[in-house]
C-alpha atoms as a PDB file:
ATOM      1  CA  MET A   1       5.270 163.069 -90.572  1.00  0.00           C
ATOM      2  CA  ASP A   2       8.039 164.280 -88.210  1.00  0.00           C
ATOM      3  CA  ASP A   3      11.272 163.987 -90.207  1.00  0.00           C
ATOM      4  CA  VAL A   4      13.498 164.704 -87.195  1.00  0.00           C
ATOM      5  CA  ARG A   5      11.780 162.104 -85.042  1.00  0.00           C
ATOM      6  CA  ILE A   6      12.029 159.512 -87.804  1.00  0.00           C
ATOM      7  CA  GLY A   7      15.717 160.305 -88.247  1.00  0.00           C
ATOM      8  CA  ASN A   8      16.394 159.935 -84.531  1.00  0.00           C
ATOM      9  CA  THR A   9      14.547 156.617 -84.510  1.00  0.00           C
ATOM     10  CA  LEU A  10      16.674 155.277 -87.364  1.00  0.00           C
ATOM     11  CA  ARG A  11      19.831 156.387 -85.566  1.00  0.00           C
ATOM     12  CA  VAL A  12      18.836 154.778 -82.248  1.00  0.00           C
ATOM     13  CA  ILE A  13      17.973 151.482 -83.936  1.00  0.00           C
ATOM     14  CA  ARG A  14      21.230 151.504 -85.899  1.00  0.00           C
ATOM     15  CA  ILE A  15      23.242 152.059 -82.722  1.00  0.00           C
ATOM     16  CA  ARG A  16      21.363 149.363 -80.806  1.00  0.00           C
ATOM     17  CA  LYS A  17      22.096 146.947 -83.634  1.00  0.00           C
ATOM     18  CA  ARG A  18      25.771 147.987 -83.414  1.00  0.00           C
ATOM     19  CA  LEU A  19      25.921 149.038 -87.027  1.00  0.00           C
ATOM     20  CA  ARG A  20      27.836 151.870 -88.648  1.00  0.00           C
ATOM     21  CA  GLN A  21      26.245 154.200 -91.151  1.00  0.00           C
ATOM     22  CA  SER A  22      28.425 152.587 -93.793  1.00  0.00           C
ATOM     23  CA  ASP A  23      27.060 149.142 -92.833  1.00  0.00           C
ATOM     24  CA  VAL A  24      23.477 150.314 -93.266  1.00  0.00           C
ATOM     25  CA  ALA A  25      24.369 152.074 -96.521  1.00  0.00           C
ATOM     26  CA  ARG A  26      25.889 148.903 -97.939  1.00  0.00           C
ATOM     27  CA  ARG A  27      22.848 146.828 -97.018  1.00  0.00           C
ATOM     28  CA  ALA A  28      20.456 149.405 -98.461  1.00  0.00           C
ATOM     29  CA  GLY A  29      22.479 150.052-101.623  1.00  0.00           C
ATOM     30  CA  VAL A  30      22.833 153.783-100.922  1.00  0.00           C
ATOM     31  CA  ARG A  31      25.659 156.161 -99.997  1.00  0.00           C
ATOM     32  CA  ARG A  32      26.738 156.602 -96.371  1.00  0.00           C
ATOM     33  CA  GLU A  33      25.971 160.311 -96.657  1.00  0.00           C
ATOM     34  CA  THR A  34      22.372 159.426 -97.436  1.00  0.00           C
ATOM     35  CA  VAL A  35      22.020 157.451 -94.204  1.00  0.00           C
ATOM     36  CA  GLY A  36      23.517 160.342 -92.270  1.00  0.00           C
ATOM     37  CA  ARG A  37      21.170 162.828 -93.907  1.00  0.00           C
ATOM     38  CA  LEU A  38      18.129 160.700 -93.016  1.00  0.00           C
ATOM     39  CA  GLU A  39      19.286 160.405 -89.420  1.00  0.00           C
ATOM     40  CA  ARG A  40      19.600 164.218 -89.221  1.00  0.00           C
ATOM     41  CA  GLY A  41      15.978 164.668 -90.280  1.00  0.00           C
ATOM     42  CA  GLY A  42      16.501 165.069 -94.003  1.00  0.00           C
ATOM     43  CA  LEU A  43      13.748 162.692 -95.090  1.00  0.00           C
ATOM     44  CA  GLY A  44      12.147 165.378 -97.235  1.00  0.00           C
ATOM     45  CA  ARG A  45      15.268 165.553 -99.393  1.00  0.00           C
ATOM     46  CA  GLU A  46      15.315 161.846-100.204  1.00  0.00           C
ATOM     47  CA  ARG A  47      13.171 159.589-102.363  1.00  0.00           C
ATOM     48  CA  LEU A  48      10.643 157.430-100.567  1.00  0.00           C
ATOM     49  CA  ASP A  49      12.228 154.299-102.057  1.00  0.00           C
ATOM     50  CA  THR A  50      15.550 155.334-100.522  1.00  0.00           C
ATOM     51  CA  PHE A  51      14.003 155.728 -97.088  1.00  0.00           C
ATOM     52  CA  ARG A  52      12.309 152.337 -97.376  1.00  0.00           C
ATOM     53  CA  ALA A  53      15.580 150.693 -98.371  1.00  0.00           C
ATOM     54  CA  VAL A  54      17.368 152.154 -95.344  1.00  0.00           C
ATOM     55  CA  ALA A  55      14.504 151.202 -93.026  1.00  0.00           C
ATOM     56  CA  GLN A  56      14.500 147.648 -94.396  1.00  0.00           C
ATOM     57  CA  ALA A  57      18.256 147.415 -93.901  1.00  0.00           C
ATOM     58  CA  LEU A  58      17.637 148.117 -90.217  1.00  0.00           C
ATOM     59  CA  GLY A  59      14.770 145.643 -90.003  1.00  0.00           C
ATOM     60  CA  VAL A  60      12.272 148.492 -89.644  1.00  0.00           C
ATOM     61  CA  ARG A  61       8.846 148.289 -91.233  1.00  0.00           C
ATOM     62  CA  SER A  62       7.654 151.725 -92.346  1.00  0.00           C
ATOM     63  CA  ASP A  63       3.968 152.627 -92.241  1.00  0.00           C
ATOM     64  CA  LEU A  64       3.103 155.790 -94.166  1.00  0.00           C
ATOM     65  CA  ARG A  65      -0.248 157.252 -93.122  1.00  0.00           C
ATOM     66  CA  LEU A  66      -2.085 159.969 -95.015  1.00  0.00           C
ATOM     67  CA  GLN A  67      -4.909 162.307 -94.047  1.00  0.00           C
ATOM     68  CA  TRP A  68      -7.170 164.172 -96.423  1.00  0.00           C
ATOM     69  CA  GLN A  69      -9.906 166.627 -95.464  1.00  0.00           C
ATOM     70  CA  GLY A  70     -10.573 164.690 -92.300  1.00  0.00           C
ATOM     71  CA  ALA A  71     -11.515 161.583 -94.265  1.00  0.00           C
ATOM     72  CA  ASP A  72     -10.631 158.084 -93.184  1.00  0.00           C
ATOM     73  CA  LEU A  73      -8.357 157.112 -96.057  1.00  0.00           C
ATOM     74  CA  ASP A  74      -8.221 153.506 -94.878  1.00  0.00           C
ATOM     75  CA  ARG A  75     -11.968 153.370 -95.474  1.00  0.00           C
ATOM     76  CA  ILE A  76     -11.589 154.840 -98.971  1.00  0.00           C
ATOM     77  CA  VAL A  77      -8.853 152.364 -99.894  1.00  0.00           C
ATOM     78  CA  ASN A  78     -10.822 149.472 -98.423  1.00  0.00           C
ATOM     79  CA  ALA A  79     -13.856 150.534-100.449  1.00  0.00           C
ATOM     80  CA  ALA A  80     -11.764 150.422-103.628  1.00  0.00           C
ATOM     81  CA  HIS A  81     -10.507 146.974-102.631  1.00  0.00           C
ATOM     82  CA  ALA A  82     -14.076 145.817-101.989  1.00  0.00           C
ATOM     83  CA  ASP A  83     -15.176 147.075-105.408  1.00  0.00           C
ATOM     84  CA  MET A  84     -12.294 145.206-106.998  1.00  0.00           C
ATOM     85  CA  HIS A  85     -13.256 142.072-105.076  1.00  0.00           C
ATOM     86  CA  GLU A  86     -16.834 142.357-106.299  1.00  0.00           C
ATOM     87  CA  ALA A  87     -15.755 142.837-109.912  1.00  0.00           C
ATOM     88  CA  ILE A  88     -13.535 139.739-109.915  1.00  0.00           C
ATOM     89  CA  ALA A  89     -16.299 137.686-108.304  1.00  0.00           C
ATOM     90  CA  ARG A  90     -18.663 138.783-111.071  1.00  0.00           C
ATOM     91  CA  LEU A  91     -16.088 137.816-113.677  1.00  0.00           C
ATOM     92  CA  LEU A  92     -15.817 134.315-112.210  1.00  0.00           C
ATOM     93  CA  ALA A  93     -19.599 134.008-112.173  1.00  0.00           C
ATOM     94  CA  ARG A  94     -19.820 134.940-115.847  1.00  0.00           C
ATOM     95  CA  ARG A  95     -17.175 132.391-116.817  1.00  0.00           C
ATOM     96  CA  GLY A  96     -19.181 129.554-115.282  1.00  0.00           C
ATOM     97  CA  GLY A  97     -17.961 126.435-113.515  1.00  0.00           C
ATOM     98  CA  TRP A  98     -16.251 128.412-110.746  1.00  0.00           C
ATOM     99  CA  GLU A  99     -16.975 128.579-107.065  1.00  0.00           C
ATOM    100  CA  TRP A 100     -14.988 130.695-104.649  1.00  0.00           C
ATOM    101  CA  ARG A 101     -14.448 131.694-101.050  1.00  0.00           C
ATOM    102  CA  PRO A 102     -13.583 135.268 -99.998  1.00  0.00           C
ATOM    103  CA  GLU A 103     -11.009 136.224 -97.369  1.00  0.00           C
ATOM    104  CA  VAL A 104      -9.695 132.724 -96.682  1.00  0.00           C
ATOM    105  CA  SER A 105      -7.315 132.713 -93.721  1.00  0.00           C
ATOM    106  CA  PHE A 106      -4.781 129.953 -93.150  1.00  0.00           C
ATOM    107  CA  SER A 107      -2.112 128.911 -90.686  1.00  0.00           C
ATOM    108  CA  ILE A 108       0.047 126.010 -91.832  1.00  0.00           C
ATOM    109  CA  TYR A 109       3.416 125.064 -90.362  1.00  0.00           C
ATOM    110  CA  GLY A 110       3.658 128.479 -88.738  1.00  0.00           C
ATOM    111  CA  GLU A 111       2.946 130.317 -92.007  1.00  0.00           C
ATOM    112  CA  ARG A 112      -0.113 132.538 -91.849  1.00  0.00           C
ATOM    113  CA  GLY A 113      -2.010 134.741 -94.239  1.00  0.00           C
ATOM    114  CA  VAL A 114      -5.323 135.744 -95.773  1.00  0.00           C
ATOM    115  CA  ILE A 115      -6.170 134.987 -99.403  1.00  0.00           C
ATOM    116  CA  ASP A 116      -8.448 137.583-101.000  1.00  0.00           C
ATOM    117  CA  ILE A 117     -10.259 135.056-103.199  1.00  0.00           C
ATOM    118  CA  LEU A 118      -9.766 131.295-103.310  1.00  0.00           C
ATOM    119  CA  ALA A 119     -11.479 129.896-106.420  1.00  0.00           C
ATOM    120  CA  TRP A 120     -12.156 126.319-107.507  1.00  0.00           C
ATOM    121  CA  HIS A 121     -13.000 124.843-110.898  1.00  0.00           C
ATOM    122  CA  ALA A 122     -14.373 121.379-110.157  1.00  0.00           C
ATOM    123  CA  GLU A 123     -14.399 120.037-113.714  1.00  0.00           C
ATOM    124  CA  THR A 124     -10.655 120.505-114.184  1.00  0.00           C
ATOM    125  CA  ARG A 125      -9.784 120.418-110.460  1.00  0.00           C
ATOM    126  CA  SER A 126      -8.006 123.747-110.817  1.00  0.00           C
ATOM    127  CA  LEU A 127      -7.370 125.893-107.749  1.00  0.00           C
ATOM    128  CA  LEU A 128      -6.882 129.627-108.271  1.00  0.00           C
ATOM    129  CA  ILE A 129      -5.394 131.903-105.609  1.00  0.00           C
ATOM    130  CA  ILE A 130      -6.278 135.533-106.317  1.00  0.00           C
ATOM    131  CA  GLU A 131      -4.529 138.511-104.732  1.00  0.00           C
ATOM    132  CA  LEU A 132      -6.033 141.993-105.145  1.00  0.00           C
ATOM    133  CA  LYS A 133      -3.831 145.079-104.918  1.00  0.00           C
ATOM    134  CA  THR A 134      -4.984 148.684-105.060  1.00  0.00           C
ATOM    135  CA  GLU A 135      -1.307 149.651-104.722  1.00  0.00           C
ATOM    136  CA  LEU A 136       1.857 147.847-105.794  1.00  0.00           C
ATOM    137  CA  VAL A 137       4.016 148.699-102.791  1.00  0.00           C
ATOM    138  CA  ASP A 138       6.531 145.873-102.332  1.00  0.00           C
ATOM    139  CA  PRO A 139       6.984 143.730-105.480  1.00  0.00           C
ATOM    140  CA  GLN A 140       9.569 141.491-103.837  1.00  0.00           C
ATOM    141  CA  ASP A 141       7.252 140.673-100.940  1.00  0.00           C
ATOM    142  CA  LEU A 142       4.383 140.116-103.388  1.00  0.00           C
ATOM    143  CA  ALA A 143       6.385 137.554-105.361  1.00  0.00           C
ATOM    144  CA  ALA A 144       7.459 135.768-102.179  1.00  0.00           C
ATOM    145  CA  THR A 145       3.925 135.783-100.762  1.00  0.00           C
ATOM    146  CA  MET A 146       2.353 134.312-103.889  1.00  0.00           C
ATOM    147  CA  GLY A 147       5.059 131.685-104.123  1.00  0.00           C
ATOM    148  CA  ARG A 148       4.369 130.632-100.552  1.00  0.00           C
ATOM    149  CA  ARG A 149       0.619 130.485-101.141  1.00  0.00           C
ATOM    150  CA  ALA A 150       1.080 128.417-104.281  1.00  0.00           C
ATOM    151  CA  ARG A 151       3.196 125.979-102.281  1.00  0.00           C
ATOM    152  CA  LEU A 152       0.558 125.698 -99.543  1.00  0.00           C
ATOM    153  CA  GLY A 153      -2.437 125.941-101.887  1.00  0.00           C
ATOM    154  CA  ALA A 154      -3.306 122.249-102.064  1.00  0.00           C
ATOM    155  CA  GLU A 155      -3.373 121.944 -98.289  1.00  0.00           C
ATOM    156  CA  ILE A 156      -5.419 125.132 -97.916  1.00  0.00           C
ATOM    157  CA  ALA A 157      -7.940 123.726-100.408  1.00  0.00           C
ATOM    158  CA  HIS A 158      -8.391 120.476 -98.498  1.00  0.00           C
ATOM    159  CA  ARG A 159     -10.489 122.174 -95.792  1.00  0.00           C
ATOM    160  CA  PHE A 160     -13.134 122.814 -98.439  1.00  0.00           C
ATOM    161  CA  GLY A 161     -12.989 119.253 -99.743  1.00  0.00           C
ATOM    162  CA  TRP A 162     -11.102 120.313-102.864  1.00  0.00           C
ATOM    163  CA  ARG A 163      -8.339 118.091-104.278  1.00  0.00           C
ATOM    164  CA  PRO A 164      -6.560 120.215-106.904  1.00  0.00           C
ATOM    165  CA  LEU A 165      -4.548 118.843-109.786  1.00  0.00           C
ATOM    166  CA  SER A 166      -3.097 122.327-110.372  1.00  0.00           C
ATOM    167  CA  VAL A 167      -2.538 125.322-108.097  1.00  0.00           C
ATOM    168  CA  ASN A 168      -2.609 128.641-109.927  1.00  0.00           C
ATOM    169  CA  THR A 169      -2.068 132.267-108.926  1.00  0.00           C
ATOM    170  CA  TRP A 170      -3.422 135.559-110.201  1.00  0.00           C
ATOM    171  CA  VAL A 171      -2.397 139.008-108.981  1.00  0.00           C
ATOM    172  CA  VAL A 172      -4.828 141.780-109.951  1.00  0.00           C
ATOM    173  CA  ILE A 173      -3.533 145.341-109.572  1.00  0.00           C
ATOM    174  CA  SER A 174      -5.410 148.602-109.868  1.00  0.00           C
ATOM    175  CA  ASP A 175      -4.530 150.206-113.191  1.00  0.00           C
ATOM    176  CA  THR A 176      -2.919 153.497-112.161  1.00  0.00           C
ATOM    177  CA  SER A 177       0.090 155.324-113.572  1.00  0.00           C
ATOM    178  CA  THR A 178       1.968 154.847-110.298  1.00  0.00           C
ATOM    179  CA  ASN A 179       1.366 151.092-110.283  1.00  0.00           C
ATOM    180  CA  ARG A 180       2.389 150.901-113.951  1.00  0.00           C
ATOM    181  CA  ARG A 181       5.658 152.702-113.211  1.00  0.00           C
ATOM    182  CA  ARG A 182       6.439 150.453-110.268  1.00  0.00           C
ATOM    183  CA  HIS A 183       5.668 147.364-112.312  1.00  0.00           C
ATOM    184  CA  ALA A 184       7.935 148.568-115.127  1.00  0.00           C
ATOM    185  CA  ARG A 185      10.714 149.254-112.661  1.00  0.00           C
ATOM    186  CA  TYR A 186      10.560 145.720-111.250  1.00  0.00           C
ATOM    187  CA  ARG A 187       9.668 143.943-114.477  1.00  0.00           C
ATOM    188  CA  ALA A 188      12.893 141.923-114.461  1.00  0.00           C
ATOM    189  CA  MET A 189      11.975 140.492-111.051  1.00  0.00           C
ATOM    190  CA  LEU A 190       8.229 140.057-111.534  1.00  0.00           C
ATOM    191  CA  GLY A 191       8.328 138.756-115.104  1.00  0.00           C
ATOM    192  CA  PRO A 192       9.834 135.326-114.348  1.00  0.00           C
ATOM    193  CA  VAL A 193       7.394 134.855-111.443  1.00  0.00           C
ATOM    194  CA  PHE A 194       4.194 135.973-113.185  1.00  0.00           C
ATOM    195  CA  ARG A 195       4.614 134.863-116.787  1.00  0.00           C
ATOM    196  CA  GLN A 196       1.047 135.406-117.991  1.00  0.00           C
ATOM    197  CA  ASP A 197      -0.957 138.609-118.392  1.00  0.00           C
ATOM    198  CA  GLY A 198      -4.632 139.558-118.187  1.00  0.00           C
ATOM    199  CA  ARG A 199      -5.553 138.434-121.694  1.00  0.00           C
ATOM    200  CA  THR A 200      -4.096 134.994-121.122  1.00  0.00           C
ATOM    201  CA  MET A 201      -5.786 134.837-117.748  1.00  0.00           C
ATOM    202  CA  ARG A 202      -9.228 135.598-119.134  1.00  0.00           C
ATOM    203  CA  ARG A 203      -8.887 132.841-121.741  1.00  0.00           C
ATOM    204  CA  TRP A 204      -7.679 130.437-119.075  1.00  0.00           C
ATOM    205  CA  LEU A 205     -10.674 131.214-116.869  1.00  0.00           C
ATOM    206  CA  ARG A 206     -13.014 130.036-119.632  1.00  0.00           C
ATOM    207  CA  GLN A 207     -11.266 126.684-119.935  1.00  0.00           C
ATOM    208  CA  PRO A 208      -8.549 126.051-117.335  1.00  0.00           C
ATOM    209  CA  ALA A 209      -5.698 123.930-118.662  1.00  0.00           C
ATOM    210  CA  GLY A 210      -2.234 123.600-117.218  1.00  0.00           C
ATOM    211  CA  THR A 211      -0.761 125.769-114.502  1.00  0.00           C
ATOM    212  CA  ILE A 212      -0.794 129.547-114.695  1.00  0.00           C
ATOM    213  CA  ALA A 213       0.767 132.420-112.720  1.00  0.00           C
ATOM    214  CA  ALA A 214      -0.545 135.740-113.970  1.00  0.00           C
ATOM    215  CA  LEU A 215      -0.350 139.434-113.140  1.00  0.00           C
ATOM    216  CA  SER A 216      -2.723 141.905-114.710  1.00  0.00           C
ATOM    217  CA  PHE A 217      -4.054 145.417-114.291  1.00  0.00           C
ATOM    218  CA  TRP A 218      -7.700 146.161-113.616  1.00  0.00           C
ATOM    219  CA  SER A 219      -9.099 149.477-114.823  1.00  0.00           C
ATOM    220  CA  ASP A 220     -11.245 151.871-112.808  1.00  0.00           C
ATOM    221  CA  VAL A 221     -11.189 150.556-109.266  1.00  0.00           C
ATOM    222  CA  ARG A 222     -12.057 153.836-107.615  1.00  0.00           C
ATOM    223  CA  ALA A 223     -14.383 153.442-104.675  1.00  0.00           C
ATOM    224  CA  GLY A 224     -17.892 152.996-106.037  1.00  0.00           C
ATOM    225  CA  ALA A 225     -16.924 153.062-109.715  1.00  0.00           C
ATOM    226  CA  LEU A 226     -16.876 149.310-110.209  1.00  0.00           C
ATOM    227  CA  SER A 227     -20.071 148.885-108.249  1.00  0.00           C
ATOM    228  CA  ARG A 228     -21.881 151.258-110.559  1.00  0.00           C
ATOM    229  CA  THR A 229     -20.541 149.454-113.619  1.00  0.00           C
ATOM    230  CA  ILE A 230     -21.354 146.005-112.312  1.00  0.00           C
ATOM    231  CA  SER A 231     -24.845 146.982-111.244  1.00  0.00           C
ATOM    232  CA  GLN A 232     -25.678 147.459-114.922  1.00  0.00           C
ATOM    233  CA  THR A 233     -24.963 143.793-115.642  1.00  0.00           C
ATOM    234  CA  LYS A 234     -28.140 141.795-116.161  1.00  0.00           C
ATOM    235  CA  ARG A 235     -28.581 139.004-113.654  1.00  0.00           C
ATOM    236  CA  ILE A 236     -30.242 135.764-114.675  1.00  0.00           C
ATOM    237  CA  ARG A 237     -31.916 134.268-111.648  1.00  0.00           C
ATOM    238  CA  PRO A 238     -32.647 130.530-111.545  1.00  0.00           C
ATOM    239  CA  THR A 239     -36.257 129.442-111.582  1.00  0.00           C
ATOM    240  CA  ARG A 240     -37.856 127.680-108.627  1.00  0.00           C
ATOM    241  CA  THR A 241     -37.662 124.402-110.531  1.00  0.00           C
ATOM    242  CA  THR A 242     -33.935 124.818-111.157  1.00  0.00           C
ATOM    243  CA  ARG A 243     -33.257 125.574-107.507  1.00  0.00           C
ATOM    244  CA  SER A 244     -35.226 122.571-106.328  1.00  0.00           C
ATOM    245  CA  ARG A 245     -33.192 120.256-108.546  1.00  0.00           C
ATOM    246  CA  ALA A 246     -29.973 121.638-107.109  1.00  0.00           C
END
C-alpha cells in the first residue's frame, strides 16, 4: 500500500469536489489535521476506521488487498465462505421441512444483489434470507442491505413459486475476536435491526412462527475446518421406494 499515493488521491478528489479539508473532516467526524495528515501520506499513523471515514466522506470506496506468502487470499477467504455455506445448508437439512437456493441474484426496480442462501419452509410459508459474513466490515451497509432484501423478499420468492406469509432475515458471521469487537462497537446500531440471536434462530428453524431478524456468530469457519466437521455427520439416504414415491 503506497501511503503517499493514497494521500495524493484523496487530495485530488477533495479538490475536484470543491471541498475544504474542514468540510471533509466534518463529514467524516474527524479533525481537520487528520485529513491533512492523510493527504500528506500519513496513513500509517491513523486508524483504519479513520481512513475509511474520510474516504467515505469523499465518496471513495476503499479496497484493502493483502498478500501472504504468494497465496491468493481471495481464494482462502472464498473457501471459508464456502465452508460456512455448506455448514448452514447442512443445518437446514437437519431441521427438516426446508428447501433452499444458493447464490440467488435479483434485480428489482433497479435494486440488485446476490443472496447467499434463500430458504423456504412450505408448511408455514416462511421465507428466510441468509447472509454469510467471514468479516464484519461495514455494519451500517449490512443493516441497510438486509432491510432492502427483506422489503423485496416476497417478490424475489415469486420466481420460485413461493408465496411467503413472512419474510425473515438471518446474518451469520464468522466467530472471530475482530468480528466480536466490531459487533460490540456497533451494537447500538445493529441491535434494533437484528433483535434475535443464534439460540433463538435455531429454535425458530425447528418450528418457524412469526417474523424474525437474527444475527449470530458461527464458530470455526476456517477454510476446510467446517468441511471436516460436517463430513463426520451420518447421512441417511432415501431408499429406492421412497424416491419413487417422491
